[in-house]
Protein backbone atom coordinates (compact mmCIF):
# COMPACT_ATOMS: atom_id res chain seq x y z
CA MET A 1 -0.71 -15.99 37.95
CA THR A 2 -4.69 -16.48 37.95
CA THR A 3 -7.15 -17.33 40.85
CA THR A 4 -9.16 -20.49 41.12
CA HIS A 5 -12.86 -19.99 41.53
CA ALA A 6 -15.78 -21.93 41.03
CA PRO A 7 -17.79 -21.66 37.70
CA ALA A 8 -20.17 -18.85 36.92
CA ARG A 9 -23.14 -20.43 36.64
CA PRO A 10 -25.08 -20.44 33.04
CA ILE A 11 -27.05 -17.69 32.13
CA GLY A 12 -30.97 -17.62 31.34
CA LYS A 13 -32.92 -16.32 28.19
CA ALA A 14 -33.39 -13.33 30.84
CA ALA A 15 -30.24 -12.12 31.19
CA VAL A 16 -29.49 -13.19 27.71
CA GLY A 17 -31.99 -10.38 26.96
CA ALA A 18 -30.74 -7.96 29.19
CA LEU A 19 -26.97 -7.73 27.73
CA GLY A 20 -28.51 -7.61 24.09
CA ALA A 21 -30.89 -4.66 25.43
CA LEU A 22 -27.91 -3.05 26.36
CA ALA A 23 -25.81 -3.55 23.70
CA VAL A 24 -28.52 -2.22 21.48
CA ALA A 25 -29.19 1.02 23.45
CA THR A 26 -25.26 1.86 24.14
CA GLY A 27 -25.17 1.18 19.80
CA ALA A 28 -27.89 3.75 19.64
CA LEU A 29 -26.33 6.03 21.73
CA GLU A 30 -23.03 5.76 20.36
CA SER A 31 -24.25 6.42 16.50
CA VAL A 32 -26.73 9.79 16.75
CA VAL A 33 -23.46 12.43 16.01
CA THR A 34 -22.80 10.47 12.52
CA PRO A 35 -26.25 11.48 10.48
CA THR A 36 -26.73 14.87 12.57
CA LEU A 37 -22.96 16.06 12.19
CA PRO A 38 -23.74 18.16 9.37
CA LEU A 39 -26.85 19.63 11.27
CA LEU A 40 -24.48 19.98 14.52
CA GLN A 41 -21.87 21.95 12.33
CA ARG A 42 -24.64 24.31 11.03
CA GLU A 43 -26.27 25.00 14.71
CA LEU A 44 -22.86 24.78 16.47
CA ASP A 45 -21.04 26.74 13.72
CA MET A 46 -18.14 24.39 13.43
CA SER A 47 -15.56 23.66 10.71
CA PRO A 48 -15.23 20.70 9.46
CA ALA A 49 -12.00 20.23 11.35
CA GLU A 50 -14.32 21.06 14.76
CA GLY A 51 -16.68 18.35 13.37
CA ALA A 52 -13.93 15.87 12.84
CA LEU A 53 -12.96 16.47 17.11
CA LEU A 54 -16.69 16.11 17.59
CA SER A 55 -16.90 12.89 15.75
CA ILE A 56 -14.28 11.41 17.76
CA VAL A 57 -13.74 12.61 20.87
CA LEU A 58 -16.12 9.61 22.35
CA LEU A 59 -13.65 6.83 20.82
CA VAL A 60 -10.41 8.45 22.20
CA THR A 61 -12.07 8.38 25.89
CA GLY A 62 -12.67 4.69 25.00
CA ALA A 63 -9.27 4.16 24.06
CA LEU A 64 -8.40 4.99 27.34
CA ILE A 65 -11.54 3.41 29.55
CA THR A 66 -11.49 0.11 27.45
CA PRO A 67 -8.22 -1.21 28.76
CA ILE A 68 -8.90 -0.47 32.48
CA ALA A 69 -12.19 -1.52 31.92
CA GLY A 70 -11.18 -4.55 30.67
CA THR A 71 -8.18 -5.21 33.47
CA LEU A 72 -10.87 -4.32 36.14
CA GLY A 73 -13.05 -6.78 34.98
CA ASP A 74 -10.82 -9.70 34.60
CA ARG A 75 -10.07 -8.46 38.20
CA TYR A 76 -13.28 -7.80 40.40
CA GLY A 77 -15.61 -9.42 37.80
CA GLY A 78 -17.55 -8.34 33.94
CA LYS A 79 -21.40 -7.32 35.81
CA ARG A 80 -19.61 -5.22 38.78
CA VAL A 81 -17.52 -3.06 36.30
CA VAL A 82 -19.97 -2.68 33.43
CA VAL A 83 -22.73 -1.73 35.79
CA ARG A 84 -20.26 1.24 37.32
CA LEU A 85 -19.38 2.20 33.45
CA MET A 86 -23.23 2.62 32.79
CA ALA A 87 -23.63 5.24 34.92
CA VAL A 88 -20.82 7.47 33.83
CA VAL A 89 -22.39 6.98 29.90
CA CYS A 90 -25.98 8.18 31.36
CA ALA A 91 -24.44 11.17 32.74
CA GLY A 92 -22.70 11.89 30.04
CA GLY A 93 -25.86 11.29 27.31
CA LEU A 94 -27.45 13.69 29.86
CA VAL A 95 -24.73 16.35 29.41
CA SER A 96 -25.08 16.21 25.70
CA ALA A 97 -28.69 16.28 25.92
CA LEU A 98 -28.69 19.52 27.89
CA ALA A 99 -25.71 21.22 25.97
CA PRO A 100 -25.51 24.36 24.79
CA ASN A 101 -22.92 24.97 22.99
CA LEU A 102 -19.88 22.93 21.60
CA PRO A 103 -17.43 22.72 24.92
CA VAL A 104 -20.05 21.23 26.78
CA LEU A 105 -21.49 18.43 24.15
CA LEU A 106 -17.47 17.91 23.87
CA LEU A 107 -17.69 17.28 27.79
CA GLY A 108 -20.79 15.08 27.36
CA GLN A 109 -19.22 13.11 24.80
CA VAL A 110 -16.04 12.69 27.06
CA LEU A 111 -18.77 10.41 29.48
CA GLN A 112 -20.46 9.10 26.96
CA GLY A 113 -16.87 7.40 25.83
CA ALA A 114 -17.14 5.32 28.56
CA MET A 115 -19.44 3.04 26.50
CA VAL A 116 -16.93 1.72 24.90
CA GLY A 117 -14.98 -0.53 27.70
CA ALA A 118 -18.59 -2.21 27.83
CA LEU A 119 -17.51 -4.97 24.87
CA PRO A 120 -14.67 -6.45 26.39
CA LEU A 121 -16.35 -6.63 29.43
CA SER A 122 -19.64 -8.36 27.79
CA PHE A 123 -17.22 -10.82 26.17
CA ILE A 124 -16.06 -11.70 29.65
CA LEU A 125 -19.59 -12.18 31.04
CA VAL A 126 -19.96 -14.17 27.63
CA ARG A 127 -17.19 -16.34 28.40
CA ALA A 128 -17.65 -16.89 31.87
CA HIS A 129 -21.40 -18.23 31.59
CA LEU A 130 -21.54 -19.69 28.14
CA PRO A 131 -19.72 -23.34 26.97
CA ALA A 132 -16.49 -22.72 25.32
CA GLY A 133 -18.04 -24.24 21.61
CA GLU A 134 -20.82 -21.55 21.81
CA SER A 135 -18.67 -18.54 22.72
CA LYS A 136 -17.45 -17.55 19.63
CA VAL A 137 -20.83 -17.07 18.01
CA ALA A 138 -22.22 -15.61 21.24
CA ILE A 139 -19.52 -12.84 20.94
CA GLY A 140 -20.57 -12.24 17.01
CA VAL A 141 -24.39 -12.10 17.96
CA VAL A 142 -23.15 -9.50 21.12
CA SER A 143 -21.27 -7.31 18.27
CA GLY A 144 -23.94 -7.75 15.86
CA LEU A 145 -26.50 -6.55 18.16
CA PHE A 146 -24.38 -3.42 19.41
CA VAL A 147 -24.13 -2.65 15.30
CA GLY A 148 -28.20 -3.19 15.09
CA GLY A 149 -28.33 -0.50 17.95
CA ALA A 150 -26.20 1.61 15.88
CA MET A 151 -28.64 1.15 12.85
CA ALA A 152 -31.30 2.35 15.22
CA GLY A 153 -29.63 5.12 16.24
CA THR A 154 -28.64 6.39 12.83
CA LEU A 155 -32.36 5.76 11.19
CA ALA A 156 -34.04 7.81 14.24
CA ALA A 157 -31.28 10.52 14.90
CA GLY A 158 -32.09 12.82 12.51
CA PRO A 159 -36.05 12.62 12.42
CA VAL A 160 -35.96 13.46 16.37
CA ALA A 161 -33.27 16.14 15.87
CA GLU A 162 -35.42 17.80 13.25
CA GLY A 163 -38.69 16.76 14.41
CA LEU A 164 -37.97 17.88 18.14
CA SER A 165 -34.29 19.33 18.70
CA ARG A 166 -30.65 18.07 18.75
CA HIS A 167 -31.40 17.77 22.60
CA TRP A 168 -33.60 15.37 22.19
CA MET A 169 -31.60 12.78 19.93
CA PHE A 170 -28.95 12.31 22.83
CA ALA A 171 -32.10 11.91 25.62
CA LEU A 172 -33.79 9.43 24.52
CA PRO A 173 -30.77 6.63 24.55
CA THR A 174 -29.69 7.64 27.06
CA PHE A 175 -32.95 6.64 28.75
CA ALA A 176 -32.85 3.48 27.06
CA VAL A 177 -29.58 2.81 28.23
CA THR A 178 -30.42 3.53 31.80
CA GLY A 179 -33.59 0.99 31.38
CA ALA A 180 -30.70 -1.31 30.07
CA THR A 181 -28.33 -1.34 33.01
CA VAL A 182 -31.21 -1.85 35.47
CA LEU A 183 -31.87 -5.04 33.99
CA VAL A 184 -28.42 -5.90 33.10
CA HIS A 185 -28.18 -5.36 37.30
CA ARG A 186 -31.04 -7.49 38.42
CA LEU A 187 -30.81 -10.38 35.79
CA MET A 188 -27.11 -10.96 35.19
CA PRO A 189 -25.82 -12.95 37.61
CA HIS A 190 -22.23 -12.04 38.89
CA ASP A 191 -18.85 -13.87 37.27
CA PRO A 192 -16.12 -14.77 39.50
CA PRO A 193 -13.18 -12.77 39.18
CA ARG A 194 -10.32 -14.31 37.27
CA ARG A 195 -7.27 -12.56 38.27
CA PRO A 196 -5.96 -11.57 41.85
CA GLN A 197 -7.68 -8.14 43.26
CA GLY A 198 -4.07 -6.51 44.88
CA ALA A 199 -3.02 -4.71 42.80
CA GLY A 200 -4.00 -1.14 42.11
CA ILE A 201 -4.88 0.93 38.65
CA ASP A 202 -2.02 2.35 36.76
CA TRP A 203 -2.31 5.88 36.74
CA PRO A 204 1.03 7.02 35.19
CA GLY A 205 0.25 5.04 32.47
CA LEU A 206 -3.56 6.25 32.10
CA VAL A 207 -2.34 9.77 32.44
CA LEU A 208 0.73 9.16 29.73
CA LEU A 209 -1.51 7.70 27.14
CA SER A 210 -3.95 10.59 27.69
CA GLY A 211 -1.36 12.56 26.74
CA THR A 212 -0.08 10.68 23.63
CA LEU A 213 -3.89 10.34 22.22
CA VAL A 214 -4.85 14.23 22.90
CA THR A 215 -1.24 15.47 21.66
CA LEU A 216 -1.89 12.86 18.42
CA MET A 217 -5.03 14.42 17.49
CA LEU A 218 -3.79 17.72 18.20
CA VAL A 219 -1.17 17.02 15.60
CA LEU A 220 -3.30 15.19 12.98
CA GLY A 221 -6.59 17.76 13.40
CA LEU A 222 -3.93 21.26 13.64
CA GLY A 223 -1.10 20.21 11.04
CA ALA A 224 -2.81 21.31 8.13
CA ASP A 225 -3.59 25.06 10.10
CA LEU A 226 -0.05 24.82 11.49
CA VAL A 227 2.21 24.17 8.15
CA THR A 228 3.05 28.03 8.74
CA GLN A 229 4.12 27.60 11.77
CA PRO A 230 6.75 25.16 11.65
CA LEU A 231 8.51 25.84 15.18
CA VAL A 232 4.44 24.84 16.46
CA LEU A 233 4.43 21.53 14.76
CA LEU A 234 7.48 20.50 15.88
CA GLY A 235 7.10 21.23 19.35
CA LEU A 236 3.77 19.27 19.01
CA VAL A 237 5.64 16.28 17.40
CA VAL A 238 8.32 16.14 20.14
CA LEU A 239 5.82 16.44 22.42
CA LEU A 240 3.88 13.27 21.12
CA ALA A 241 7.51 11.20 20.81
CA ALA A 242 7.75 11.91 24.41
CA PHE A 243 4.29 11.30 25.76
CA GLY A 244 4.63 7.80 23.52
CA THR A 245 8.22 7.19 24.66
CA GLY A 246 7.34 7.40 28.12
CA TRP A 247 4.22 5.31 28.17
CA VAL A 248 5.75 2.85 26.70
CA ALA A 249 8.70 2.93 29.18
CA VAL A 250 6.12 2.90 32.01
CA GLU A 251 3.82 0.09 30.84
CA ARG A 252 6.95 -2.16 30.35
CA ARG A 253 7.95 -0.93 34.25
CA ALA A 254 4.82 -1.24 35.57
CA ALA A 255 3.82 -4.44 37.91
CA SER A 256 -0.05 -4.35 37.17
CA PRO A 257 -0.21 -1.90 34.02
CA MET A 258 -2.89 -0.48 32.19
CA VAL A 259 -2.38 -1.87 28.70
CA ASP A 260 -0.19 -5.48 28.98
CA LEU A 261 1.91 -4.16 26.32
CA ARG A 262 3.64 -7.97 26.34
CA MET A 263 0.13 -9.25 25.16
CA LEU A 264 1.42 -7.62 21.96
CA THR A 265 4.36 -10.26 21.54
CA ARG A 266 1.51 -12.97 21.19
CA PRO A 267 1.36 -13.22 17.51
CA ALA A 268 -2.56 -13.33 17.55
CA VAL A 269 -2.68 -10.53 19.45
CA GLY A 270 -0.28 -8.18 17.77
CA LYS A 271 -1.20 -9.23 14.39
CA SER A 272 -5.09 -8.59 15.32
CA CYS A 273 -4.20 -5.01 16.56
CA VAL A 274 -2.34 -4.03 13.31
CA LEU A 275 -4.93 -4.91 11.47
CA THR A 276 -7.91 -3.26 13.09
CA PHE A 277 -5.81 -0.39 13.24
CA LEU A 278 -5.42 -0.27 9.29
CA ILE A 279 -9.28 -1.61 8.44
CA CYS A 280 -10.36 0.84 10.88
CA VAL A 281 -8.87 3.92 9.28
CA GLY A 282 -9.72 2.75 5.57
CA THR A 283 -13.42 2.66 7.19
CA SER A 284 -13.50 6.16 9.02
CA ALA A 285 -13.41 7.61 5.42
CA ALA A 286 -16.46 6.65 4.35
CA THR A 287 -17.86 7.07 7.99
CA TYR A 288 -16.94 10.57 8.06
CA LEU A 289 -16.64 11.54 4.21
CA VAL A 290 -20.35 9.87 2.99
CA PRO A 291 -22.74 11.84 5.33
CA GLN A 292 -20.37 14.97 4.27
CA LEU A 293 -20.71 14.42 0.82
CA PHE A 294 -24.65 14.03 0.88
CA ALA A 295 -24.93 17.34 2.89
CA VAL A 296 -23.07 19.41 0.10
CA PRO A 297 -25.37 21.50 -1.90
CA ALA A 298 -27.05 19.98 -4.75
CA ASP A 299 -26.45 22.58 -6.97
CA THR A 300 -22.82 21.85 -6.27
CA HIS A 301 -21.48 18.16 -6.11
CA GLY A 302 -23.67 16.86 -3.37
CA PHE A 303 -27.05 16.35 -2.98
CA GLY A 304 -28.24 19.13 -0.18
CA ALA A 305 -29.97 16.33 2.23
CA SER A 306 -31.11 16.95 5.60
CA ALA A 307 -30.44 14.94 8.51
CA THR A 308 -33.21 13.14 8.04
CA ALA A 309 -32.39 11.79 4.58
CA ILE A 310 -28.75 11.22 5.51
CA GLY A 311 -29.76 8.80 8.13
CA PHE A 312 -32.15 6.94 5.78
CA PHE A 313 -29.32 6.92 3.37
CA LEU A 314 -27.07 5.20 6.01
CA LEU A 315 -29.70 2.67 6.94
CA PRO A 316 -28.77 -0.31 4.24
CA GLY A 317 -25.01 0.48 6.04
CA ALA A 318 -26.12 0.15 9.28
CA LEU A 319 -28.06 -3.15 8.58
CA ALA A 320 -24.92 -4.74 6.38
CA ALA A 321 -22.78 -4.22 9.62
CA SER A 322 -25.46 -5.53 11.76
CA VAL A 323 -25.22 -8.92 10.44
CA ALA A 324 -21.75 -8.58 9.75
CA GLY A 325 -21.12 -9.60 13.01
CA PRO A 326 -23.29 -12.93 13.30
CA ILE A 327 -21.46 -14.05 9.62
CA SER A 328 -18.13 -13.16 10.77
CA GLY A 329 -18.67 -15.12 13.87
CA ILE A 330 -19.67 -18.29 12.23
CA GLY A 331 -16.94 -17.66 9.10
CA VAL A 332 -14.30 -17.75 11.89
CA ARG A 333 -15.54 -21.07 13.19
CA ARG A 334 -15.78 -22.93 10.51
CA LEU A 335 -13.42 -21.10 8.00
CA GLY A 336 -10.82 -19.49 10.03
CA SER A 337 -10.14 -15.75 10.78
CA ARG A 338 -7.54 -15.33 8.15
CA ALA A 339 -10.33 -16.39 5.62
CA VAL A 340 -12.85 -13.89 6.74
CA VAL A 341 -10.22 -11.01 7.04
CA THR A 342 -8.90 -11.30 3.63
CA ALA A 343 -12.85 -11.49 1.95
CA GLY A 344 -13.27 -8.18 4.06
CA VAL A 345 -10.01 -6.57 3.02
CA LEU A 346 -10.92 -6.78 -0.34
CA LEU A 347 -14.32 -5.95 0.21
CA MET A 348 -13.46 -2.73 1.56
CA ALA A 349 -10.85 -1.70 -1.03
CA VAL A 350 -13.42 -2.33 -3.71
CA GLY A 351 -16.00 0.07 -1.64
CA LEU A 352 -13.61 2.85 -1.18
CA LEU A 353 -12.44 2.83 -4.34
CA GLY A 354 -15.83 3.02 -5.83
CA LEU A 355 -17.06 5.82 -3.85
CA ALA A 356 -13.75 7.44 -5.27
CA ALA A 357 -14.47 6.91 -8.70
CA ALA A 358 -18.45 6.95 -8.84
CA HIS A 359 -20.48 9.60 -6.59
CA THR A 360 -22.66 11.58 -8.82
CA GLU A 361 -25.64 9.26 -7.73
CA ILE A 362 -27.20 8.83 -4.34
CA TRP A 363 -26.91 4.98 -4.70
CA HIS A 364 -23.09 5.39 -5.55
CA LEU A 365 -22.60 6.43 -2.20
CA VAL A 366 -25.32 4.15 -0.13
CA LEU A 367 -23.86 0.88 -1.71
CA GLY A 368 -19.82 1.99 -1.51
CA LYS A 369 -21.02 2.54 2.58
CA ALA A 370 -22.85 -0.43 2.73
CA LEU A 371 -19.81 -2.58 1.35
CA VAL A 372 -17.46 -0.96 3.44
CA ALA A 373 -19.74 -1.18 6.56
CA LEU A 374 -20.06 -5.20 5.86
CA ALA A 375 -16.34 -5.65 5.43
CA ASN A 376 -15.30 -3.48 8.67
CA GLY A 377 -18.22 -5.78 10.60
CA LEU A 378 -16.56 -9.09 9.21
CA CYS A 379 -13.20 -7.85 9.56
CA VAL A 380 -13.32 -6.04 13.22
CA THR A 381 -15.68 -9.13 14.85
CA ALA A 382 -12.97 -11.75 13.41
CA MET A 383 -9.90 -10.17 14.90
CA VAL A 384 -11.96 -9.46 18.16
CA THR A 385 -12.64 -13.21 17.82
CA ARG A 386 -9.45 -14.41 17.13
CA THR A 387 -8.11 -12.58 20.00
CA ALA A 388 -10.58 -13.37 22.96
CA THR A 389 -10.13 -17.42 22.02
CA SER A 390 -6.69 -17.46 21.58
CA VAL A 391 -5.65 -16.44 25.07
CA ASP A 392 -6.63 -17.53 28.64
CA LEU A 393 -9.97 -17.04 30.29
CA GLY A 394 -8.28 -14.53 32.83
CA ASP A 395 -6.46 -12.54 29.63
CA THR A 396 -9.77 -12.23 27.96
CA GLY A 397 -10.71 -8.58 29.13
CA ILE A 398 -6.87 -7.40 28.46
CA ALA A 399 -6.31 -9.10 24.99
CA THR A 400 -10.05 -8.25 23.78
CA GLY A 401 -9.29 -4.50 25.49
CA LEU A 402 -6.24 -3.91 23.32
CA VAL A 403 -7.59 -4.66 19.97
CA LEU A 404 -10.54 -2.10 20.65
CA VAL A 405 -8.26 -0.06 21.87
CA THR A 406 -6.50 -0.22 18.14
CA ARG A 407 -9.93 0.26 16.55
CA VAL A 408 -10.60 3.28 18.43
CA ILE A 409 -6.97 4.52 17.55
CA GLY A 410 -7.52 3.70 14.07
CA PHE A 411 -10.74 5.05 13.97
CA ALA A 412 -9.86 8.33 15.45
CA VAL A 413 -6.97 8.63 13.35
CA GLY A 414 -8.67 8.19 10.12
CA VAL A 415 -11.66 10.82 10.86
CA GLN A 416 -9.15 13.38 12.11
CA VAL A 417 -7.46 12.92 8.95
CA THR A 418 -9.88 13.16 6.51
CA GLY A 419 -11.40 15.82 7.93
CA ALA A 420 -7.41 17.65 7.68
CA ILE A 421 -8.21 16.97 4.25
CA LEU A 422 -11.36 18.79 3.95
CA THR A 423 -10.37 21.50 5.60
CA ALA A 424 -7.48 21.98 3.46
CA GLY A 425 -9.93 21.31 0.29
CA THR A 426 -12.32 24.35 0.78
CA PRO A 427 -11.76 26.90 -1.16
CA SER A 428 -10.93 30.49 0.76
CA GLY A 429 -14.08 31.89 1.31
CA SER A 430 -16.34 29.04 1.38
CA LYS A 431 -17.35 26.50 3.27
CA ILE A 432 -18.13 23.62 0.61
CA PRO A 433 -14.94 21.13 0.31
CA ALA A 434 -14.10 20.90 -3.28
CA GLU A 435 -14.89 17.72 -4.76
CA SER A 436 -11.05 16.44 -5.23
CA ALA A 437 -10.94 16.65 -1.44
CA PHE A 438 -13.47 13.87 -1.41
CA VAL A 439 -11.96 11.74 -4.25
CA ALA A 440 -8.37 12.05 -2.11
CA GLY A 441 -9.75 10.54 1.16
CA PHE A 442 -11.15 8.07 -0.26
CA VAL A 443 -7.97 7.07 -1.99
CA LEU A 444 -5.91 7.49 0.79
CA ALA A 445 -8.15 5.23 2.82
CA ALA A 446 -8.27 2.65 -0.12
CA ALA A 447 -4.74 2.74 -0.03
CA VAL A 448 -4.22 2.11 3.90
CA THR A 449 -6.54 -1.22 3.37
CA VAL A 450 -4.64 -2.68 1.02
CA LEU A 451 -1.23 -2.25 2.86
CA SER A 452 -3.50 -4.52 5.19
CA LEU A 453 -3.10 -7.27 3.03
CA LEU A 454 0.53 -7.66 4.06
CA VAL A 455 -0.40 -8.27 7.37
CA VAL A 456 -3.43 -10.65 6.48
CA ARG A 457 -0.94 -13.18 3.96
CA THR A 458 1.14 -13.73 8.12
CA MET A 459 -1.55 -15.22 9.62
CA SER A 460 -2.36 -19.04 10.39
CA LYS A 461 -5.46 -20.41 8.67
CA GLY A 462 -6.99 -21.37 12.22
CA VAL A 463 -7.76 -19.26 15.25
CA LYS A 464 -5.04 -20.12 17.27
CA GLU A 465 -1.40 -19.19 17.00
């Protein structure tokens, strides 16, 4: 049941610019870890598994925050919630900037994870203030600006970390997020709530989902180390099953669930979530493995690249991802989501298999990563657009939040699995994973990506189902 409100007034160029600036700034802050992960591993003496944990902890927090942010945005208005989320993000950025060790840095990344919830809130604002005919392209543009910010962060993180320090590479984008949040607060008009405000937060669902995700990360991250301790591994698996079963039971009975699982019964939403998960598992391999391979010493099977060089090598991929959002939005409007996703899946499979077969030259990795980034942007934007435009206006935040949660979980699972593969493939007494471990990671990711074609075949050609 929804409440009736007067339509929000159209937004002007200044308000659009403020929302775009926030997307760019948050994208930059989110992206600084990827190109500098080898540097952070050296400075903080991290193993590959710990490095994988650092690269996903922000996303795990995002998986918890996103559905709450989408629900609260539908209930209280997108602007009101996004400003408060960004205050948490800024606090997390400062903690990361001042972190003296890995535990404190992990805490900062946990707080920064609130930024993931900003995307569904942006979609709420776009749909509230723009005509229906323009919303599909606008969602693609917002997604593209976020990725454009990630491109800037990827390029700047290495030089800042090496020229100043790793502390400044978190501080500078945090300052940008703070400024952009002030602009959004001043220039963006309030959007009317789309749902009743009486229901409370589903705290039991939040606790159980937190336990499920944390236990899942432990199983994936420690599985290889616990092979010799089967009882401990079995205990974690049983705990994971208990958390997951309990969460589903609570969400199905909750009057106002944190994640409305009934949404998954809608074909457009359910299929989008499955596809997003599979595609992001594939994407995560290139995102995690390529920088690691760049940093492997040149006298073995790598290139001995510095953090600055890695940032430049990843730039074409970030550029490809930044244009994928708008292209995908236009493609969905003209060709339908099925055509766009099919093209993206095939392109990603080619990129991953290419990385597995050829990775002896820098341009091999640059090209492969760019193909995967472009494909991921096409697919995920198509899924979000398809979902956002197939539900009622009051369900936009919840529905897109589900897709973004599965994006985060898929990426986190993929990174943890590939991190475990590298750890298992590192010879005893060495800190350098074997070349075969990288190949295995790329091939596994390509296989998962190809599986998504089975789901694509069941999609309708248009956006609505």
